[in-house]
Amino acid sequence: MAEGLERGPVNVPQPVTPPALPDLGIRVVYMLLFAVVFWVLTWILAATTLMQLVVRLLNGRPHPDLVRFGASLARYARQIIEFLTFVTELTPYPFAAWPVEG
């Protein structure tokens, strides 16, 4: 054989099927739903903030249950924001567990 033709087996790239993405139409519906949930969440946050302020003014320290609730609410808000901005495909509560501390 000629010098340039002595080669081993040729690796031919195989077509790769991309993983299936969720249907964008369904995601848009979820996004609208979670945009409304986020709007309601901001009002709950405002009420929690005012209650915590009153408790702090009266007792000199924040209420521990409101602190935990506020932290949990913040984690939930983050999950919603990450879903709305396409950071994640995971739908937040109630389609997943409520975010816990950690």
PDB file of N, CA and C in Angstrom:
ATOM      1  N   MET A   1       0.832  -1.180   0.000  1.00  0.00           N
ATOM      2  CA  MET A   1       0.000   0.000   0.000  1.00  0.00           C
ATOM      3  C   MET A   1       0.874   1.239   0.000  1.00  0.00           C
ATOM      4  N   ALA A   2       0.325   2.305  -0.431  1.00  0.00           N
ATOM      5  CA  ALA A   2       1.048   3.571  -0.451  1.00  0.00           C
ATOM      6  C   ALA A   2       1.179   4.099   0.962  1.00  0.00           C
ATOM      7  N   GLU A   3       2.204   4.915   1.182  1.00  0.00           N
ATOM      8  CA  GLU A   3       2.466   5.411   2.526  1.00  0.00           C
ATOM      9  C   GLU A   3       1.316   6.209   3.106  1.00  0.00           C
ATOM     10  N   GLY A   4       0.640   7.052   2.370  1.00  0.00           N
ATOM     11  CA  GLY A   4      -0.409   7.911   2.886  1.00  0.00           C
ATOM     12  C   GLY A   4      -1.712   7.186   3.137  1.00  0.00           C
ATOM     13  N   LEU A   5      -1.859   5.931   2.673  1.00  0.00           N
ATOM     14  CA  LEU A   5      -3.125   5.222   2.796  1.00  0.00           C
ATOM     15  C   LEU A   5      -3.155   4.234   3.942  1.00  0.00           C
ATOM     16  N   GLU A   6      -2.088   4.106   4.702  1.00  0.00           N
ATOM     17  CA  GLU A   6      -2.054   3.144   5.800  1.00  0.00           C
ATOM     18  C   GLU A   6      -2.603   3.789   7.063  1.00  0.00           C
ATOM     19  N   ARG A   7      -3.880   3.694   7.244  1.00  0.00           N
ATOM     20  CA  ARG A   7      -4.526   4.275   8.420  1.00  0.00           C
ATOM     21  C   ARG A   7      -5.386   3.217   9.095  1.00  0.00           C
ATOM     22  N   GLY A   8      -5.612   3.439  10.364  1.00  0.00           N
ATOM     23  CA  GLY A   8      -6.499   2.547  11.113  1.00  0.00           C
ATOM     24  C   GLY A   8      -7.947   2.905  10.836  1.00  0.00           C
ATOM     25  N   PRO A   9      -8.848   2.308  11.574  1.00  0.00           N
ATOM     26  CA  PRO A   9     -10.268   2.595  11.383  1.00  0.00           C
ATOM     27  C   PRO A   9     -10.552   4.083  11.649  1.00  0.00           C
ATOM     28  N   VAL A  10     -11.448   4.620  10.885  1.00  0.00           N
ATOM     29  CA  VAL A  10     -11.805   6.032  11.003  1.00  0.00           C
ATOM     30  C   VAL A  10     -12.977   6.160  11.973  1.00  0.00           C
ATOM     31  N   ASN A  11     -12.828   7.075  12.918  1.00  0.00           N
ATOM     32  CA  ASN A  11     -13.925   7.335  13.854  1.00  0.00           C
ATOM     33  C   ASN A  11     -14.894   8.324  13.225  1.00  0.00           C
ATOM     34  N   VAL A  12     -16.069   7.842  12.940  1.00  0.00           N
ATOM     35  CA  VAL A  12     -17.099   8.692  12.350  1.00  0.00           C
ATOM     36  C   VAL A  12     -18.016   9.143  13.482  1.00  0.00           C
ATOM     37  N   PRO A  13     -18.185  10.464  13.622  1.00  0.00           N
ATOM     38  CA  PRO A  13     -19.071  10.920  14.700  1.00  0.00           C
ATOM     39  C   PRO A  13     -20.496  10.426  14.485  1.00  0.00           C
ATOM     40  N   GLN A  14     -21.072   9.965  15.565  1.00  0.00           N
ATOM     41  CA  GLN A  14     -22.452   9.482  15.525  1.00  0.00           C
ATOM     42  C   GLN A  14     -23.394  10.631  15.891  1.00  0.00           C
ATOM     43  N   PRO A  15     -24.551  10.690  15.267  1.00  0.00           N
ATOM     44  CA  PRO A  15     -25.495  11.751  15.624  1.00  0.00           C
ATOM     45  C   PRO A  15     -25.948  11.578  17.073  1.00  0.00           C
ATOM     46  N   VAL A  16     -26.009  12.693  17.764  1.00  0.00           N
ATOM     47  CA  VAL A  16     -26.429  12.675  19.166  1.00  0.00           C
ATOM     48  C   VAL A  16     -27.795  13.342  19.246  1.00  0.00           C
ATOM     49  N   THR A  17     -28.723  12.640  19.849  1.00  0.00           N
ATOM     50  CA  THR A  17     -30.053  13.203  20.035  1.00  0.00           C
ATOM     51  C   THR A  17     -30.038  14.050  21.301  1.00  0.00           C
ATOM     52  N   PRO A  18     -30.366  15.348  21.186  1.00  0.00           N
ATOM     53  CA  PRO A  18     -30.368  16.182  22.386  1.00  0.00           C
ATOM     54  C   PRO A  18     -31.467  15.741  23.341  1.00  0.00           C
ATOM     55  N   PRO A  19     -31.269  15.966  24.642  1.00  0.00           N
ATOM     56  CA  PRO A  19     -32.314  15.590  25.593  1.00  0.00           C
ATOM     57  C   PRO A  19     -33.576  16.403  25.312  1.00  0.00           C
ATOM     58  N   ALA A  20     -34.693  15.776  25.550  1.00  0.00           N
ATOM     59  CA  ALA A  20     -35.968  16.439  25.280  1.00  0.00           C
ATOM     60  C   ALA A  20     -36.170  17.595  26.260  1.00  0.00           C
ATOM     61  N   LEU A  21     -36.522  18.749  25.716  1.00  0.00           N
ATOM     62  CA  LEU A  21     -36.825  19.903  26.546  1.00  0.00           C
ATOM     63  C   LEU A  21     -38.326  19.945  26.795  1.00  0.00           C
ATOM     64  N   PRO A  22     -38.713  20.472  27.955  1.00  0.00           N
ATOM     65  CA  PRO A  22     -40.148  20.571  28.209  1.00  0.00           C
ATOM     66  C   PRO A  22     -40.806  21.472  27.165  1.00  0.00           C
ATOM     67  N   ASP A  23     -42.049  21.221  26.920  1.00  0.00           N
ATOM     68  CA  ASP A  23     -42.801  22.002  25.944  1.00  0.00           C
ATOM     69  C   ASP A  23     -42.830  23.462  26.380  1.00  0.00           C
ATOM     70  N   LEU A  24     -42.437  24.358  25.494  1.00  0.00           N
ATOM     71  CA  LEU A  24     -42.357  25.779  25.824  1.00  0.00           C
ATOM     72  C   LEU A  24     -43.735  26.355  26.123  1.00  0.00           C
ATOM     73  N   GLY A  25     -44.761  25.872  25.453  1.00  0.00           N
ATOM     74  CA  GLY A  25     -46.118  26.358  25.711  1.00  0.00           C
ATOM     75  C   GLY A  25     -46.550  26.110  27.146  1.00  0.00           C
ATOM     76  N   ILE A  26     -46.265  24.913  27.645  1.00  0.00           N
ATOM     77  CA  ILE A  26     -46.597  24.580  29.037  1.00  0.00           C
ATOM     78  C   ILE A  26     -45.779  25.451  29.979  1.00  0.00           C
ATOM     79  N   ARG A  27     -44.515  25.651  29.639  1.00  0.00           N
ATOM     80  CA  ARG A  27     -43.661  26.475  30.500  1.00  0.00           C
ATOM     81  C   ARG A  27     -44.178  27.912  30.576  1.00  0.00           C
ATOM     82  N   VAL A  28     -44.657  28.445  29.459  1.00  0.00           N
ATOM     83  CA  VAL A  28     -45.199  29.807  29.467  1.00  0.00           C
ATOM     84  C   VAL A  28     -46.404  29.897  30.406  1.00  0.00           C
ATOM     85  N   VAL A  29     -47.252  28.881  30.386  1.00  0.00           N
ATOM     86  CA  VAL A  29     -48.395  28.858  31.304  1.00  0.00           C
ATOM     87  C   VAL A  29     -47.902  28.848  32.750  1.00  0.00           C
ATOM     88  N   TYR A  30     -46.918  27.993  33.049  1.00  0.00           N
ATOM     89  CA  TYR A  30     -46.346  27.959  34.402  1.00  0.00           C
ATOM     90  C   TYR A  30     -45.708  29.298  34.764  1.00  0.00           C
ATOM     91  N   MET A  31     -45.047  29.925  33.802  1.00  0.00           N
ATOM     92  CA  MET A  31     -44.399  31.207  34.071  1.00  0.00           C
ATOM     93  C   MET A  31     -45.432  32.274  34.424  1.00  0.00           C
ATOM     94  N   LEU A  32     -46.542  32.289  33.715  1.00  0.00           N
ATOM     95  CA  LEU A  32     -47.606  33.240  34.047  1.00  0.00           C
ATOM     96  C   LEU A  32     -48.166  32.963  35.439  1.00  0.00           C
ATOM     97  N   LEU A  33     -48.373  31.689  35.741  1.00  0.00           N
ATOM     98  CA  LEU A  33     -48.867  31.307  37.064  1.00  0.00           C
ATOM     99  C   LEU A  33     -47.897  31.765  38.154  1.00  0.00           C
ATOM    100  N   PHE A  34     -46.608  31.495  37.964  1.00  0.00           N
ATOM    101  CA  PHE A  34     -45.636  31.853  38.999  1.00  0.00           C
ATOM    102  C   PHE A  34     -45.368  33.350  39.060  1.00  0.00           C
ATOM    103  N   ALA A  35     -45.618  34.074  37.978  1.00  0.00           N
ATOM    104  CA  ALA A  35     -45.520  35.536  38.043  1.00  0.00           C
ATOM    105  C   ALA A  35     -46.606  36.083  38.969  1.00  0.00           C
ATOM    106  N   VAL A  36     -47.801  35.518  38.882  1.00  0.00           N
ATOM    107  CA  VAL A  36     -48.887  35.921  39.789  1.00  0.00           C
ATOM    108  C   VAL A  36     -48.554  35.508  41.226  1.00  0.00           C
ATOM    109  N   VAL A  37     -48.055  34.300  41.397  1.00  0.00           N
ATOM    110  CA  VAL A  37     -47.659  33.828  42.736  1.00  0.00           C
ATOM    111  C   VAL A  37     -46.594  34.747  43.316  1.00  0.00           C
ATOM    112  N   PHE A  38     -45.644  35.167  42.489  1.00  0.00           N
ATOM    113  CA  PHE A  38     -44.582  36.050  42.967  1.00  0.00           C
ATOM    114  C   PHE A  38     -45.157  37.404  43.389  1.00  0.00           C
ATOM    115  N   TRP A  39     -46.138  37.904  42.657  1.00  0.00           N
ATOM    116  CA  TRP A  39     -46.787  39.167  43.010  1.00  0.00           C
ATOM    117  C   TRP A  39     -47.466  39.046  44.382  1.00  0.00           C
ATOM    118  N   VAL A  40     -48.191  37.943  44.596  1.00  0.00           N
ATOM    119  CA  VAL A  40     -48.832  37.702  45.896  1.00  0.00           C
ATOM    120  C   VAL A  40     -47.762  37.568  46.976  1.00  0.00           C
ATOM    121  N   LEU A  41     -46.682  36.883  46.656  1.00  0.00           N
ATOM    122  CA  LEU A  41     -45.585  36.691  47.605  1.00  0.00           C
ATOM    123  C   LEU A  41     -45.004  38.030  48.063  1.00  0.00           C
ATOM    124  N   THR A  42     -44.924  39.006  47.174  1.00  0.00           N
ATOM    125  CA  THR A  42     -44.382  40.310  47.575  1.00  0.00           C
ATOM    126  C   THR A  42     -45.288  40.994  48.593  1.00  0.00           C
ATOM    127  N   TRP A  43     -46.602  40.815  48.470  1.00  0.00           N
ATOM    128  CA  TRP A  43     -47.522  41.383  49.455  1.00  0.00           C
ATOM    129  C   TRP A  43     -47.408  40.656  50.794  1.00  0.00           C
ATOM    130  N   ILE A  44     -47.219  39.355  50.740  1.00  0.00           N
ATOM    131  CA  ILE A  44     -47.015  38.590  51.978  1.00  0.00           C
ATOM    132  C   ILE A  44     -45.716  39.028  52.637  1.00  0.00           C
ATOM    133  N   LEU A  45     -44.695  39.254  51.829  1.00  0.00           N
ATOM    134  CA  LEU A  45     -43.425  39.740  52.355  1.00  0.00           C
ATOM    135  C   LEU A  45     -43.586  41.103  53.016  1.00  0.00           C
ATOM    136  N   ALA A  46     -44.357  41.977  52.390  1.00  0.00           N
ATOM    137  CA  ALA A  46     -44.596  43.306  52.965  1.00  0.00           C
ATOM    138  C   ALA A  46     -45.317  43.197  54.306  1.00  0.00           C
ATOM    139  N   ALA A  47     -46.325  42.344  54.387  1.00  0.00           N
ATOM    140  CA  ALA A  47     -47.049  42.153  55.648  1.00  0.00           C
ATOM    141  C   ALA A  47     -46.145  41.551  56.716  1.00  0.00           C
ATOM    142  N   THR A  48     -45.337  40.578  56.336  1.00  0.00           N
ATOM    143  CA  THR A  48     -44.405  39.953  57.277  1.00  0.00           C
ATOM    144  C   THR A  48     -43.394  40.971  57.787  1.00  0.00           C
ATOM    145  N   THR A  49     -42.923  41.822  56.890  1.00  0.00           N
ATOM    146  CA  THR A  49     -41.950  42.855  57.270  1.00  0.00           C
ATOM    147  C   THR A  49     -42.551  43.818  58.284  1.00  0.00           C
ATOM    148  N   LEU A  50     -43.773  44.262  58.024  1.00  0.00           N
ATOM    149  CA  LEU A  50     -44.429  45.182  58.957  1.00  0.00           C
ATOM    150  C   LEU A  50     -44.694  44.521  60.312  1.00  0.00           C
ATOM    151  N   MET A  51     -45.152  43.270  60.293  1.00  0.00           N
ATOM    152  CA  MET A  51     -45.382  42.552  61.556  1.00  0.00           C
ATOM    153  C   MET A  51     -44.080  42.404  62.328  1.00  0.00           C
ATOM    154  N   GLN A  52     -43.014  42.065  61.641  1.00  0.00           N
ATOM    155  CA  GLN A  52     -41.719  41.889  62.302  1.00  0.00           C
ATOM    156  C   GLN A  52     -41.232  43.221  62.876  1.00  0.00           C
ATOM    157  N   LEU A  53     -41.470  44.310  62.169  1.00  0.00           N
ATOM    158  CA  LEU A  53     -41.081  45.627  62.656  1.00  0.00           C
ATOM    159  C   LEU A  53     -41.840  45.973  63.938  1.00  0.00           C
ATOM    160  N   VAL A  54     -43.146  45.720  63.958  1.00  0.00           N
ATOM    161  CA  VAL A  54     -43.952  45.995  65.153  1.00  0.00           C
ATOM    162  C   VAL A  54     -43.474  45.139  66.322  1.00  0.00           C
ATOM    163  N   VAL A  55     -43.248  43.857  66.068  1.00  0.00           N
ATOM    164  CA  VAL A  55     -42.758  42.957  67.128  1.00  0.00           C
ATOM    165  C   VAL A  55     -41.414  43.447  67.648  1.00  0.00           C
ATOM    166  N   ARG A  56     -40.554  43.865  66.758  1.00  0.00           N
ATOM    167  CA  ARG A  56     -39.215  44.348  67.148  1.00  0.00           C
ATOM    168  C   ARG A  56     -39.319  45.617  67.985  1.00  0.00           C
ATOM    169  N   LEU A  57     -40.224  46.518  67.603  1.00  0.00           N
ATOM    170  CA  LEU A  57     -40.409  47.748  68.370  1.00  0.00           C
ATOM    171  C   LEU A  57     -40.986  47.473  69.759  1.00  0.00           C
ATOM    172  N   LEU A  58     -41.893  46.506  69.851  1.00  0.00           N
ATOM    173  CA  LEU A  58     -42.534  46.198  71.135  1.00  0.00           C
ATOM    174  C   LEU A  58     -41.675  45.339  72.048  1.00  0.00           C
ATOM    175  N   ASN A  59     -40.988  44.352  71.491  1.00  0.00           N
ATOM    176  CA  ASN A  59     -40.238  43.381  72.300  1.00  0.00           C
ATOM    177  C   ASN A  59     -38.729  43.615  72.320  1.00  0.00           C
ATOM    178  N   GLY A  60     -38.241  44.423  71.422  1.00  0.00           N
ATOM    179  CA  GLY A  60     -36.802  44.658  71.375  1.00  0.00           C
ATOM    180  C   GLY A  60     -36.035  43.615  70.600  1.00  0.00           C
ATOM    181  N   ARG A  61     -36.726  42.591  70.120  1.00  0.00           N
ATOM    182  CA  ARG A  61     -36.053  41.569  69.311  1.00  0.00           C
ATOM    183  C   ARG A  61     -37.059  40.972  68.325  1.00  0.00           C
ATOM    184  N   PRO A  62     -36.576  40.456  67.206  1.00  0.00           N
ATOM    185  CA  PRO A  62     -37.483  39.864  66.214  1.00  0.00           C
ATOM    186  C   PRO A  62     -38.101  38.562  66.723  1.00  0.00           C
ATOM    187  N   HIS A  63     -39.265  38.251  66.219  1.00  0.00           N
ATOM    188  CA  HIS A  63     -39.947  37.005  66.586  1.00  0.00           C
ATOM    189  C   HIS A  63     -39.316  35.844  65.814  1.00  0.00           C
ATOM    190  N   PRO A  64     -38.883  34.788  66.513  1.00  0.00           N
ATOM    191  CA  PRO A  64     -38.166  33.684  65.838  1.00  0.00           C
ATOM    192  C   PRO A  64     -38.992  32.978  64.754  1.00  0.00           C
ATOM    193  N   ASP A  65     -40.294  32.831  64.982  1.00  0.00           N
ATOM    194  CA  ASP A  65     -41.116  32.176  63.959  1.00  0.00           C
ATOM    195  C   ASP A  65     -41.218  33.025  62.696  1.00  0.00           C
ATOM    196  N   LEU A  66     -41.310  34.345  62.876  1.00  0.00           N
ATOM    197  CA  LEU A  66     -41.344  35.224  61.714  1.00  0.00           C
ATOM    198  C   LEU A  66     -39.995  35.247  60.996  1.00  0.00           C
ATOM    199  N   VAL A  67     -38.920  35.109  61.744  1.00  0.00           N
ATOM    200  CA  VAL A  67     -37.591  35.032  61.124  1.00  0.00           C
ATOM    201  C   VAL A  67     -37.508  33.790  60.236  1.00  0.00           C
ATOM    202  N   ARG A  68     -37.947  32.647  60.771  1.00  0.00           N
ATOM    203  CA  ARG A  68     -37.919  31.397  59.988  1.00  0.00           C
ATOM    204  C   ARG A  68     -38.842  31.498  58.773  1.00  0.00           C
ATOM    205  N   PHE A  69     -40.026  32.079  58.973  1.00  0.00           N
ATOM    206  CA  PHE A  69     -40.963  32.226  57.857  1.00  0.00           C
ATOM    207  C   PHE A  69     -40.376  33.141  56.784  1.00  0.00           C
ATOM    208  N   GLY A  70     -39.764  34.234  57.194  1.00  0.00           N
ATOM    209  CA  GLY A  70     -39.153  35.156  56.241  1.00  0.00           C
ATOM    210  C   GLY A  70     -38.035  34.507  55.449  1.00  0.00           C
ATOM    211  N   ALA A  71     -37.229  33.702  56.132  1.00  0.00           N
ATOM    212  CA  ALA A  71     -36.143  32.997  55.440  1.00  0.00           C
ATOM    213  C   ALA A  71     -36.701  31.985  54.440  1.00  0.00           C
ATOM    214  N   SER A  72     -37.751  31.274  54.843  1.00  0.00           N
ATOM    215  CA  SER A  72     -38.380  30.302  53.954  1.00  0.00           C
ATOM    216  C   SER A  72     -39.020  31.004  52.758  1.00  0.00           C
ATOM    217  N   LEU A  73     -39.652  32.138  53.006  1.00  0.00           N
ATOM    218  CA  LEU A  73     -40.258  32.920  51.933  1.00  0.00           C
ATOM    219  C   LEU A  73     -39.198  33.408  50.949  1.00  0.00           C
ATOM    220  N   ALA A  74     -38.049  33.789  51.462  1.00  0.00           N
ATOM    221  CA  ALA A  74     -36.952  34.241  50.601  1.00  0.00           C
ATOM    222  C   ALA A  74     -36.444  33.104  49.713  1.00  0.00           C
ATOM    223  N   ARG A  75     -36.322  31.908  50.270  1.00  0.00           N
ATOM    224  CA  ARG A  75     -35.884  30.761  49.464  1.00  0.00           C
ATOM    225  C   ARG A  75     -36.900  30.435  48.374  1.00  0.00           C
ATOM    226  N   TYR A  76     -38.191  30.551  48.720  1.00  0.00           N
ATOM    227  CA  TYR A  76     -39.243  30.298  47.733  1.00  0.00           C
ATOM    228  C   TYR A  76     -39.211  31.349  46.628  1.00  0.00           C
ATOM    229  N   ALA A  77     -39.023  32.607  47.006  1.00  0.00           N
ATOM    230  CA  ALA A  77     -38.923  33.684  46.011  1.00  0.00           C
ATOM    231  C   ALA A  77     -37.756  33.415  45.066  1.00  0.00           C
ATOM    232  N   ARG A  78     -36.651  32.945  45.617  1.00  0.00           N
ATOM    233  CA  ARG A  78     -35.490  32.639  44.776  1.00  0.00           C
ATOM    234  C   ARG A  78     -35.810  31.536  43.773  1.00  0.00           C
ATOM    235  N   GLN A  79     -36.501  30.495  44.241  1.00  0.00           N
ATOM    236  CA  GLN A  79     -36.880  29.410  43.330  1.00  0.00           C
ATOM    237  C   GLN A  79     -37.759  29.929  42.195  1.00  0.00           C
ATOM    238  N   ILE A  80     -38.704  30.805  42.529  1.00  0.00           N
ATOM    239  CA  ILE A  80     -39.584  31.358  41.498  1.00  0.00           C
ATOM    240  C   ILE A  80     -38.785  32.201  40.514  1.00  0.00           C
ATOM    241  N   ILE A  81     -37.918  33.054  41.024  1.00  0.00           N
ATOM    242  CA  ILE A  81     -37.108  33.911  40.154  1.00  0.00           C
ATOM    243  C   ILE A  81     -36.223  33.067  39.239  1.00  0.00           C
ATOM    244  N   GLU A  82     -35.612  32.018  39.787  1.00  0.00           N
ATOM    245  CA  GLU A  82     -34.764  31.154  38.964  1.00  0.00           C
ATOM    246  C   GLU A  82     -35.569  30.446  37.878  1.00  0.00           C
ATOM    247  N   PHE A  83     -36.802  30.062  38.197  1.00  0.00           N
ATOM    248  CA  PHE A  83     -37.649  29.430  37.186  1.00  0.00           C
ATOM    249  C   PHE A  83     -38.058  30.443  36.121  1.00  0.00           C
ATOM    250  N   LEU A  84     -38.473  31.637  36.538  1.00  0.00           N
ATOM    251  CA  LEU A  84     -38.930  32.651  35.586  1.00  0.00           C
ATOM    252  C   LEU A  84     -37.822  33.122  34.654  1.00  0.00           C
ATOM    253  N   THR A  85     -36.584  33.102  35.116  1.00  0.00           N
ATOM    254  CA  THR A  85     -35.466  33.594  34.300  1.00  0.00           C
ATOM    255  C   THR A  85     -34.701  32.463  33.616  1.00  0.00           C
ATOM    256  N   PHE A  86     -35.283  31.273  33.574  1.00  0.00           N
ATOM    257  CA  PHE A  86     -34.720  30.111  32.875  1.00  0.00           C
ATOM    258  C   PHE A  86     -33.403  29.629  33.465  1.00  0.00           C
ATOM    259  N   VAL A  87     -33.153  29.927  34.730  1.00  0.00           N
ATOM    260  CA  VAL A  87     -31.961  29.382  35.387  1.00  0.00           C
ATOM    261  C   VAL A  87     -32.156  27.890  35.624  1.00  0.00           C
ATOM    262  N   THR A  88     -33.404  27.496  35.880  1.00  0.00           N
ATOM    263  CA  THR A  88     -33.709  26.095  36.138  1.00  0.00           C
ATOM    264  C   THR A  88     -35.005  25.715  35.445  1.00  0.00           C
ATOM    265  N   GLU A  89     -35.152  24.435  35.196  1.00  0.00           N
ATOM    266  CA  GLU A  89     -36.389  23.907  34.630  1.00  0.00           C
ATOM    267  C   GLU A  89     -37.304  23.361  35.717  1.00  0.00           C
ATOM    268  N   LEU A  90     -36.821  23.333  36.958  1.00  0.00           N
ATOM    269  CA  LEU A  90     -37.603  22.792  38.064  1.00  0.00           C
ATOM    270  C   LEU A  90     -38.681  23.780  38.481  1.00  0.00           C
ATOM    271  N   THR A  91     -39.925  23.328  38.460  1.00  0.00           N
ATOM    272  CA  THR A  91     -41.010  24.205  38.879  1.00  0.00           C
ATOM    273  C   THR A  91     -41.061  24.245  40.405  1.00  0.00           C
ATOM    274  N   PRO A  92     -41.246  25.438  40.973  1.00  0.00           N
ATOM    275  CA  PRO A  92     -41.295  25.574  42.433  1.00  0.00           C
ATOM    276  C   PRO A  92     -42.566  24.975  43.034  1.00  0.00           C
ATOM    277  N   TYR A  93     -42.678  25.097  44.354  1.00  0.00           N
ATOM    278  CA  TYR A  93     -43.862  24.669  45.088  1.00  0.00           C
ATOM    279  C   TYR A  93     -45.094  25.283  44.436  1.00  0.00           C
ATOM    280  N   PRO A  94     -46.144  24.576  44.221  1.00  0.00           N
ATOM    281  CA  PRO A  94     -46.585  23.293  44.754  1.00  0.00           C
ATOM    282  C   PRO A  94     -46.206  22.096  43.900  1.00  0.00           C
ATOM    283  N   PHE A  95     -45.393  22.314  42.863  1.00  0.00           N
ATOM    284  CA  PHE A  95     -44.971  21.197  42.018  1.00  0.00           C
ATOM    285  C   PHE A  95     -43.718  20.525  42.551  1.00  0.00           C
ATOM    286  N   ALA A  96     -43.128  21.105  43.558  1.00  0.00           N
ATOM    287  CA  ALA A  96     -41.968  20.534  44.262  1.00  0.00           C
ATOM    288  C   ALA A  96     -42.201  20.786  45.748  1.00  0.00           C
ATOM    289  N   ALA A  97     -41.321  20.266  46.562  1.00  0.00           N
ATOM    290  CA  ALA A  97     -41.440  20.457  48.008  1.00  0.00           C
ATOM    291  C   ALA A  97     -41.181  21.922  48.366  1.00  0.00           C
ATOM    292  N   TRP A  98     -41.789  22.364  49.468  1.00  0.00           N
ATOM    293  CA  TRP A  98     -41.543  23.707  49.970  1.00  0.00           C
ATOM    294  C   TRP A  98     -40.064  23.812  50.337  1.00  0.00           C
ATOM    295  N   PRO A  99     -39.398  24.903  49.981  1.00  0.00           N
ATOM    296  CA  PRO A  99     -37.961  25.007  50.276  1.00  0.00           C
ATOM    297  C   PRO A  99     -37.694  25.012  51.771  1.00  0.00           C
ATOM    298  N   VAL A 100     -36.753  24.190  52.178  1.00  0.00           N
ATOM    299  CA  VAL A 100     -36.408  24.089  53.591  1.00  0.00           C
ATOM    300  C   VAL A 100     -35.044  24.709  53.810  1.00  0.00           C
ATOM    301  N   GLU A 101     -34.762  24.980  55.065  1.00  0.00           N
ATOM    302  CA  GLU A 101     -33.475  25.583  55.415  1.00  0.00           C
ATOM    303  C   GLU A 101     -32.347  24.643  55.052  1.00  0.00           C
ATOM    304  N   GLY A 102     -31.275  25.203  54.568  1.00  0.00           N
ATOM    305  CA  GLY A 102     -30.153  24.346  54.274  1.00  0.00           C
ATOM    306  C   GLY A 102     -29.413  24.862  53.162  1.00  0.00           C
TER     307      GLY A 102
END
